[in-house]
């Protein structure tokens, strides 16, 4: 089972960004390369940023995760 990714919802990523300890522990165990988010989630997070400083912080924090921009890739063959 190579290259397995866990697709995280916006709510989960928000908790991670807020520093939720339980979420951070899970992310640390999974290693960030196993975690992905959809382009839709990314846009929701960008849209929800309060200002340019927060947007920059979000972009920096999410740069370590894979972004899936074609959800058809998740479909099993």
PDB file of N, CA and C in Angstrom:
ATOM      1  N   UNK A   1       0.841  -1.184   0.000  1.00  0.00           N
ATOM      2  CA  UNK A   1       0.000   0.000   0.000  1.00  0.00           C
ATOM      3  C   UNK A   1       0.885   1.245   0.000  1.00  0.00           C
ATOM      4  N   UNK A   2       1.465   1.515  -1.131  1.00  0.00           N
ATOM      5  CA  UNK A   2       2.366   2.644  -1.261  1.00  0.00           C
ATOM      6  C   UNK A   2       1.614   3.930  -1.557  1.00  0.00           C
ATOM      7  N   UNK A   3       2.224   5.025  -1.121  1.00  0.00           N
ATOM      8  CA  UNK A   3       1.730   6.343  -1.470  1.00  0.00           C
ATOM      9  C   UNK A   3       0.280   6.584  -1.055  1.00  0.00           C
ATOM     10  N   UNK A   4      -0.116   6.071   0.099  1.00  0.00           N
ATOM     11  CA  UNK A   4      -1.464   6.283   0.618  1.00  0.00           C
ATOM     12  C   UNK A   4      -1.553   7.696   1.165  1.00  0.00           C
ATOM     13  N   UNK A   5      -2.614   8.380   0.814  1.00  0.00           N
ATOM     14  CA  UNK A   5      -2.842   9.741   1.280  1.00  0.00           C
ATOM     15  C   UNK A   5      -4.137   9.799   2.078  1.00  0.00           C
ATOM     16  N   UNK A   6      -4.129  10.621   3.099  1.00  0.00           N
ATOM     17  CA  UNK A   6      -5.333  10.874   3.878  1.00  0.00           C
ATOM     18  C   UNK A   6      -5.816  12.260   3.495  1.00  0.00           C
ATOM     19  N   UNK A   7      -7.016  12.316   2.940  1.00  0.00           N
ATOM     20  CA  UNK A   7      -7.595  13.584   2.494  1.00  0.00           C
ATOM     21  C   UNK A   7      -8.305  14.241   3.668  1.00  0.00           C
ATOM     22  N   UNK A   8      -7.813  15.390   4.082  1.00  0.00           N
ATOM     23  CA  UNK A   8      -8.368  16.077   5.251  1.00  0.00           C
ATOM     24  C   UNK A   8      -9.370  17.144   4.837  1.00  0.00           C
ATOM     25  N   UNK A   9     -10.421  17.216   5.596  1.00  0.00           N
ATOM     26  CA  UNK A   9     -11.477  18.209   5.417  1.00  0.00           C
ATOM     27  C   UNK A   9     -11.015  19.564   5.967  1.00  0.00           C
ATOM     28  N   UNK A  10     -11.696  20.604   5.565  1.00  0.00           N
ATOM     29  CA  UNK A  10     -11.374  21.959   6.000  1.00  0.00           C
ATOM     30  C   UNK A  10     -11.367  22.072   7.524  1.00  0.00           C
ATOM     31  N   UNK A  11     -12.354  21.480   8.187  1.00  0.00           N
ATOM     32  CA  UNK A  11     -12.436  21.568   9.651  1.00  0.00           C
ATOM     33  C   UNK A  11     -11.202  20.974  10.329  1.00  0.00           C
ATOM     34  N   UNK A  12     -10.706  19.878   9.801  1.00  0.00           N
ATOM     35  CA  UNK A  12      -9.519  19.236  10.374  1.00  0.00           C
ATOM     36  C   UNK A  12      -8.299  20.133  10.199  1.00  0.00           C
ATOM     37  N   UNK A  13      -8.154  20.712   9.016  1.00  0.00           N
ATOM     38  CA  UNK A  13      -7.016  21.593   8.752  1.00  0.00           C
ATOM     39  C   UNK A  13      -7.097  22.847   9.626  1.00  0.00           C
ATOM     40  N   UNK A  14      -8.295  23.376   9.836  1.00  0.00           N
ATOM     41  CA  UNK A  14      -8.455  24.544  10.706  1.00  0.00           C
ATOM     42  C   UNK A  14      -7.982  24.214  12.119  1.00  0.00           C
ATOM     43  N   UNK A  15      -8.353  23.044  12.626  1.00  0.00           N
ATOM     44  CA  UNK A  15      -7.911  22.643  13.959  1.00  0.00           C
ATOM     45  C   UNK A  15      -6.388  22.527  14.018  1.00  0.00           C
ATOM     46  N   UNK A  16      -5.804  21.994  12.966  1.00  0.00           N
ATOM     47  CA  UNK A  16      -4.343  21.907  12.888  1.00  0.00           C
ATOM     48  C   UNK A  16      -3.718  23.310  12.927  1.00  0.00           C
ATOM     49  N   UNK A  17      -4.270  24.223  12.131  1.00  0.00           N
ATOM     50  CA  UNK A  17      -3.736  25.580  12.068  1.00  0.00           C
ATOM     51  C   UNK A  17      -3.913  26.327  13.386  1.00  0.00           C
ATOM     52  N   UNK A  18      -4.977  26.015  14.116  1.00  0.00           N
ATOM     53  CA  UNK A  18      -5.225  26.642  15.415  1.00  0.00           C
ATOM     54  C   UNK A  18      -4.310  26.074  16.497  1.00  0.00           C
ATOM     55  N   UNK A  19      -3.612  24.983  16.178  1.00  0.00           N
ATOM     56  CA  UNK A  19      -2.692  24.395  17.146  1.00  0.00           C
ATOM     57  C   UNK A  19      -3.331  23.374  18.064  1.00  0.00           C
ATOM     58  N   UNK A  20      -4.472  22.807  17.675  1.00  0.00           N
ATOM     59  CA  UNK A  20      -5.139  21.776  18.467  1.00  0.00           C
ATOM     60  C   UNK A  20      -4.160  20.626  18.708  1.00  0.00           C
ATOM     61  N   UNK A  21      -3.873  20.343  19.973  1.00  0.00           N
ATOM     62  CA  UNK A  21      -2.855  19.355  20.330  1.00  0.00           C
ATOM     63  C   UNK A  21      -3.192  17.954  19.827  1.00  0.00           C
ATOM     64  N   UNK A  22      -4.445  17.538  19.943  1.00  0.00           N
ATOM     65  CA  UNK A  22      -4.830  16.195  19.487  1.00  0.00           C
ATOM     66  C   UNK A  22      -4.619  16.061  17.980  1.00  0.00           C
ATOM     67  N   UNK A  23      -5.002  17.084  17.245  1.00  0.00           N
ATOM     68  CA  UNK A  23      -4.826  17.069  15.792  1.00  0.00           C
ATOM     69  C   UNK A  23      -3.346  17.058  15.434  1.00  0.00           C
ATOM     70  N   UNK A  24      -2.562  17.884  16.103  1.00  0.00           N
ATOM     71  CA  UNK A  24      -1.121  17.947  15.822  1.00  0.00           C
ATOM     72  C   UNK A  24      -0.441  16.611  16.101  1.00  0.00           C
ATOM     73  N   UNK A  25      -0.846  15.926  17.174  1.00  0.00           N
ATOM     74  CA  UNK A  25      -0.259  14.619  17.492  1.00  0.00           C
ATOM     75  C   UNK A  25      -0.546  13.612  16.386  1.00  0.00           C
ATOM     76  N   UNK A  26      -1.780  13.622  15.890  1.00  0.00           N
ATOM     77  CA  UNK A  26      -2.157  12.702  14.806  1.00  0.00           C
ATOM     78  C   UNK A  26      -1.354  13.024  13.555  1.00  0.00           C
ATOM     79  N   UNK A  27      -1.249  14.299  13.213  1.00  0.00           N
ATOM     80  CA  UNK A  27      -0.491  14.702  12.028  1.00  0.00           C
ATOM     81  C   UNK A  27       0.976  14.294  12.164  1.00  0.00           C
ATOM     82  N   UNK A  28       1.531  14.453  13.368  1.00  0.00           N
ATOM     83  CA  UNK A  28       2.930  14.076  13.596  1.00  0.00           C
ATOM     84  C   UNK A  28       3.129  12.577  13.402  1.00  0.00           C
ATOM     85  N   UNK A  29       2.180  11.778  13.877  1.00  0.00           N
ATOM     86  CA  UNK A  29       2.277  10.330  13.712  1.00  0.00           C
ATOM     87  C   UNK A  29       2.179   9.922  12.248  1.00  0.00           C
ATOM     88  N   UNK A  30       1.334  10.607  11.497  1.00  0.00           N
ATOM     89  CA  UNK A  30       1.116  10.265  10.092  1.00  0.00           C
ATOM     90  C   UNK A  30       2.237  10.750   9.193  1.00  0.00           C
ATOM     91  N   UNK A  31       2.991  11.684   9.662  1.00  0.00           N
ATOM     92  CA  UNK A  31       3.990  12.366   8.840  1.00  0.00           C
ATOM     93  C   UNK A  31       3.240  13.196   7.793  1.00  0.00           C
ATOM     94  N   UNK A  32       3.636  14.405   7.644  1.00  0.00           N
ATOM     95  CA  UNK A  32       2.913  15.337   6.783  1.00  0.00           C
ATOM     96  C   UNK A  32       2.809  14.889   5.337  1.00  0.00           C
ATOM     97  N   UNK A  33       3.714  14.049   4.881  1.00  0.00           N
ATOM     98  CA  UNK A  33       3.654  13.622   3.484  1.00  0.00           C
ATOM     99  C   UNK A  33       2.501  12.652   3.225  1.00  0.00           C
ATOM    100  N   UNK A  34       1.872  12.123   4.281  1.00  0.00           N
ATOM    101  CA  UNK A  34       0.724  11.231   4.114  1.00  0.00           C
ATOM    102  C   UNK A  34      -0.586  12.009   4.079  1.00  0.00           C
ATOM    103  N   UNK A  35      -0.524  13.291   4.358  1.00  0.00           N
ATOM    104  CA  UNK A  35      -1.725  14.113   4.473  1.00  0.00           C
ATOM    105  C   UNK A  35      -1.876  14.971   3.223  1.00  0.00           C
ATOM    106  N   UNK A  36      -3.104  15.018   2.735  1.00  0.00           N
ATOM    107  CA  UNK A  36      -3.393  15.827   1.549  1.00  0.00           C
ATOM    108  C   UNK A  36      -4.675  16.609   1.789  1.00  0.00           C
ATOM    109  N   UNK A  37      -4.852  17.644   1.012  1.00  0.00           N
ATOM    110  CA  UNK A  37      -6.112  18.357   1.024  1.00  0.00           C
ATOM    111  C   UNK A  37      -6.496  18.687  -0.404  1.00  0.00           C
ATOM    112  N   UNK A  38      -7.773  18.842  -0.596  1.00  0.00           N
ATOM    113  CA  UNK A  38      -8.255  19.123  -1.949  1.00  0.00           C
ATOM    114  C   UNK A  38      -8.071  20.603  -2.257  1.00  0.00           C
ATOM    115  N   UNK A  39      -8.084  20.912  -3.531  1.00  0.00           N
ATOM    116  CA  UNK A  39      -8.008  22.308  -3.958  1.00  0.00           C
ATOM    117  C   UNK A  39      -9.203  23.087  -3.431  1.00  0.00           C
ATOM    118  N   UNK A  40     -10.331  22.410  -3.269  1.00  0.00           N
ATOM    119  CA  UNK A  40     -11.533  23.049  -2.722  1.00  0.00           C
ATOM    120  C   UNK A  40     -11.282  23.474  -1.275  1.00  0.00           C
ATOM    121  N   UNK A  41     -10.708  22.575  -0.477  1.00  0.00           N
ATOM    122  CA  UNK A  41     -10.370  22.898   0.909  1.00  0.00           C
ATOM    123  C   UNK A  41      -9.378  24.050   0.968  1.00  0.00           C
ATOM    124  N   UNK A  42      -8.395  24.013   0.104  1.00  0.00           N
ATOM    125  CA  UNK A  42      -7.405  25.086   0.051  1.00  0.00           C
ATOM    126  C   UNK A  42      -8.075  26.436  -0.208  1.00  0.00           C
ATOM    127  N   UNK A  43      -8.975  26.479  -1.162  1.00  0.00           N
ATOM    128  CA  UNK A  43      -9.674  27.732  -1.480  1.00  0.00           C
ATOM    129  C   UNK A  43     -10.570  28.178  -0.329  1.00  0.00           C
ATOM    130  N   UNK A  44     -11.211  27.226   0.349  1.00  0.00           N
ATOM    131  CA  UNK A  44     -12.029  27.582   1.516  1.00  0.00           C
ATOM    132  C   UNK A  44     -11.174  28.231   2.599  1.00  0.00           C
ATOM    133  N   UNK A  45      -9.990  27.689   2.816  1.00  0.00           N
ATOM    134  CA  UNK A  45      -9.089  28.259   3.815  1.00  0.00           C
ATOM    135  C   UNK A  45      -8.603  29.639   3.396  1.00  0.00           C
ATOM    136  N   UNK A  46      -8.251  29.796   2.137  1.00  0.00           N
ATOM    137  CA  UNK A  46      -7.817  31.106   1.640  1.00  0.00           C
ATOM    138  C   UNK A  46      -8.949  32.126   1.770  1.00  0.00           C
ATOM    139  N   UNK A  47     -10.162  31.724   1.416  1.00  0.00           N
ATOM    140  CA  UNK A  47     -11.315  32.621   1.479  1.00  0.00           C
ATOM    141  C   UNK A  47     -11.602  33.041   2.917  1.00  0.00           C
ATOM    142  N   UNK A  48     -11.371  32.134   3.849  1.00  0.00           N
ATOM    143  CA  UNK A  48     -11.660  32.412   5.253  1.00  0.00           C
ATOM    144  C   UNK A  48     -10.597  33.202   5.983  1.00  0.00           C
ATOM    145  N   UNK A  49      -9.477  33.461   5.329  1.00  0.00           N
ATOM    146  CA  UNK A  49      -8.410  34.238   5.974  1.00  0.00           C
ATOM    147  C   UNK A  49      -8.912  35.639   6.295  1.00  0.00           C
ATOM    148  N   UNK A  50      -8.581  36.103   7.475  1.00  0.00           N
ATOM    149  CA  UNK A  50      -9.063  37.413   7.923  1.00  0.00           C
ATOM    150  C   UNK A  50      -8.347  38.575   7.243  1.00  0.00           C
ATOM    151  N   UNK A  51      -7.077  38.369   6.915  1.00  0.00           N
ATOM    152  CA  UNK A  51      -6.293  39.447   6.314  1.00  0.00           C
ATOM    153  C   UNK A  51      -5.098  38.839   5.570  1.00  0.00           C
ATOM    154  N   UNK A  52      -4.293  39.688   4.976  1.00  0.00           N
ATOM    155  CA  UNK A  52      -3.152  39.202   4.191  1.00  0.00           C
ATOM    156  C   UNK A  52      -2.129  38.477   5.052  1.00  0.00           C
ATOM    157  N   UNK A  53      -1.953  38.930   6.278  1.00  0.00           N
ATOM    158  CA  UNK A  53      -0.998  38.266   7.167  1.00  0.00           C
ATOM    159  C   UNK A  53      -1.444  36.841   7.470  1.00  0.00           C
ATOM    160  N   UNK A  54      -2.728  36.672   7.761  1.00  0.00           N
ATOM    161  CA  UNK A  54      -3.241  35.327   8.032  1.00  0.00           C
ATOM    162  C   UNK A  54      -3.175  34.448   6.781  1.00  0.00           C
ATOM    163  N   UNK A  55      -3.456  35.016   5.628  1.00  0.00           N
ATOM    164  CA  UNK A  55      -3.371  34.270   4.369  1.00  0.00           C
ATOM    165  C   UNK A  55      -1.941  33.771   4.148  1.00  0.00           C
ATOM    166  N   UNK A  56      -0.968  34.623   4.418  1.00  0.00           N
ATOM    167  CA  UNK A  56       0.433  34.239   4.272  1.00  0.00           C
ATOM    168  C   UNK A  56       0.789  33.098   5.238  1.00  0.00           C
ATOM    169  N   UNK A  57       0.292  33.197   6.459  1.00  0.00           N
ATOM    170  CA  UNK A  57       0.531  32.160   7.467  1.00  0.00           C
ATOM    171  C   UNK A  57      -0.083  30.822   7.024  1.00  0.00           C
ATOM    172  N   UNK A  58      -1.280  30.874   6.478  1.00  0.00           N
ATOM    173  CA  UNK A  58      -1.951  29.660   5.992  1.00  0.00           C
ATOM    174  C   UNK A  58      -1.151  29.041   4.848  1.00  0.00           C
ATOM    175  N   UNK A  59      -0.750  29.858   3.899  1.00  0.00           N
ATOM    176  CA  UNK A  59       0.019  29.360   2.757  1.00  0.00           C
ATOM    177  C   UNK A  59       1.314  28.700   3.208  1.00  0.00           C
ATOM    178  N   UNK A  60       1.983  29.316   4.152  1.00  0.00           N
ATOM    179  CA  UNK A  60       3.252  28.769   4.654  1.00  0.00           C
ATOM    180  C   UNK A  60       3.020  27.432   5.367  1.00  0.00           C
ATOM    181  N   UNK A  61       1.998  27.367   6.204  1.00  0.00           N
ATOM    182  CA  UNK A  61       1.711  26.143   6.962  1.00  0.00           C
ATOM    183  C   UNK A  61       1.278  24.996   6.057  1.00  0.00           C
ATOM    184  N   UNK A  62       0.589  25.307   4.985  1.00  0.00           N
ATOM    185  CA  UNK A  62       0.053  24.263   4.111  1.00  0.00           C
ATOM    186  C   UNK A  62       1.026  23.852   3.008  1.00  0.00           C
ATOM    187  N   UNK A  63       2.124  24.538   2.897  1.00  0.00           N
ATOM    188  CA  UNK A  63       3.085  24.225   1.833  1.00  0.00           C
ATOM    189  C   UNK A  63       3.672  22.820   1.985  1.00  0.00           C
ATOM    190  N   UNK A  64       3.599  22.260   3.185  1.00  0.00           N
ATOM    191  CA  UNK A  64       4.162  20.930   3.428  1.00  0.00           C
ATOM    192  C   UNK A  64       3.213  19.794   3.039  1.00  0.00           C
ATOM    193  N   UNK A  65       1.977  20.119   2.703  1.00  0.00           N
ATOM    194  CA  UNK A  65       0.986  19.094   2.371  1.00  0.00           C
ATOM    195  C   UNK A  65       0.783  18.997   0.863  1.00  0.00           C
ATOM    196  N   UNK A  66       0.377  17.820   0.425  1.00  0.00           N
ATOM    197  CA  UNK A  66       0.024  17.634  -0.981  1.00  0.00           C
ATOM    198  C   UNK A  66      -1.362  18.220  -1.232  1.00  0.00           C
ATOM    199  N   UNK A  67      -1.514  18.858  -2.376  1.00  0.00           N
ATOM    200  CA  UNK A  67      -2.802  19.407  -2.781  1.00  0.00           C
ATOM    201  C   UNK A  67      -3.307  18.571  -3.951  1.00  0.00           C
ATOM    202  N   UNK A  68      -4.513  18.051  -3.806  1.00  0.00           N
ATOM    203  CA  UNK A  68      -5.112  17.249  -4.871  1.00  0.00           C
ATOM    204  C   UNK A  68      -6.096  18.152  -5.614  1.00  0.00           C
ATOM    205  N   UNK A  69      -5.746  18.452  -6.853  1.00  0.00           N
ATOM    206  CA  UNK A  69      -6.607  19.358  -7.618  1.00  0.00           C
ATOM    207  C   UNK A  69      -7.532  18.619  -8.577  1.00  0.00           C
ATOM    208  N   UNK A  70      -7.398  17.329  -8.661  1.00  0.00           N
ATOM    209  CA  UNK A  70      -8.287  16.529  -9.506  1.00  0.00           C
ATOM    210  C   UNK A  70      -8.832  15.388  -8.655  1.00  0.00           C
ATOM    211  N   UNK A  71     -10.033  15.570  -8.126  1.00  0.00           N
ATOM    212  CA  UNK A  71     -10.598  14.581  -7.204  1.00  0.00           C
ATOM    213  C   UNK A  71     -10.882  13.249  -7.880  1.00  0.00           C
ATOM    214  N   UNK A  72     -10.844  13.220  -9.189  1.00  0.00           N
ATOM    215  CA  UNK A  72     -11.009  11.935  -9.883  1.00  0.00           C
ATOM    216  C   UNK A  72      -9.845  11.002  -9.593  1.00  0.00           C
ATOM    217  N   UNK A  73      -8.721  11.543  -9.158  1.00  0.00           N
ATOM    218  CA  UNK A  73      -7.557  10.742  -8.819  1.00  0.00           C
ATOM    219  C   UNK A  73      -7.823   9.847  -7.611  1.00  0.00           C
ATOM    220  N   UNK A  74      -8.820  10.211  -6.815  1.00  0.00           N
ATOM    221  CA  UNK A  74      -9.148   9.437  -5.616  1.00  0.00           C
ATOM    222  C   UNK A  74      -9.980   8.194  -5.935  1.00  0.00           C
ATOM    223  N   UNK A  75     -10.535   8.168  -7.109  1.00  0.00           N
ATOM    224  CA  UNK A  75     -11.396   7.051  -7.514  1.00  0.00           C
ATOM    225  C   UNK A  75     -10.566   5.789  -7.682  1.00  0.00           C
ATOM    226  N   UNK A  76     -11.069   4.688  -7.130  1.00  0.00           N
ATOM    227  CA  UNK A  76     -10.376   3.411  -7.289  1.00  0.00           C
ATOM    228  C   UNK A  76     -10.518   2.926  -8.718  1.00  0.00           C
ATOM    229  N   UNK A  77      -9.458   2.346  -9.203  1.00  0.00           N
ATOM    230  CA  UNK A  77      -9.474   1.781 -10.575  1.00  0.00           C
ATOM    231  C   UNK A  77     -10.257   0.504 -10.603  1.00  0.00           C
TER     232      UNK A  77
END
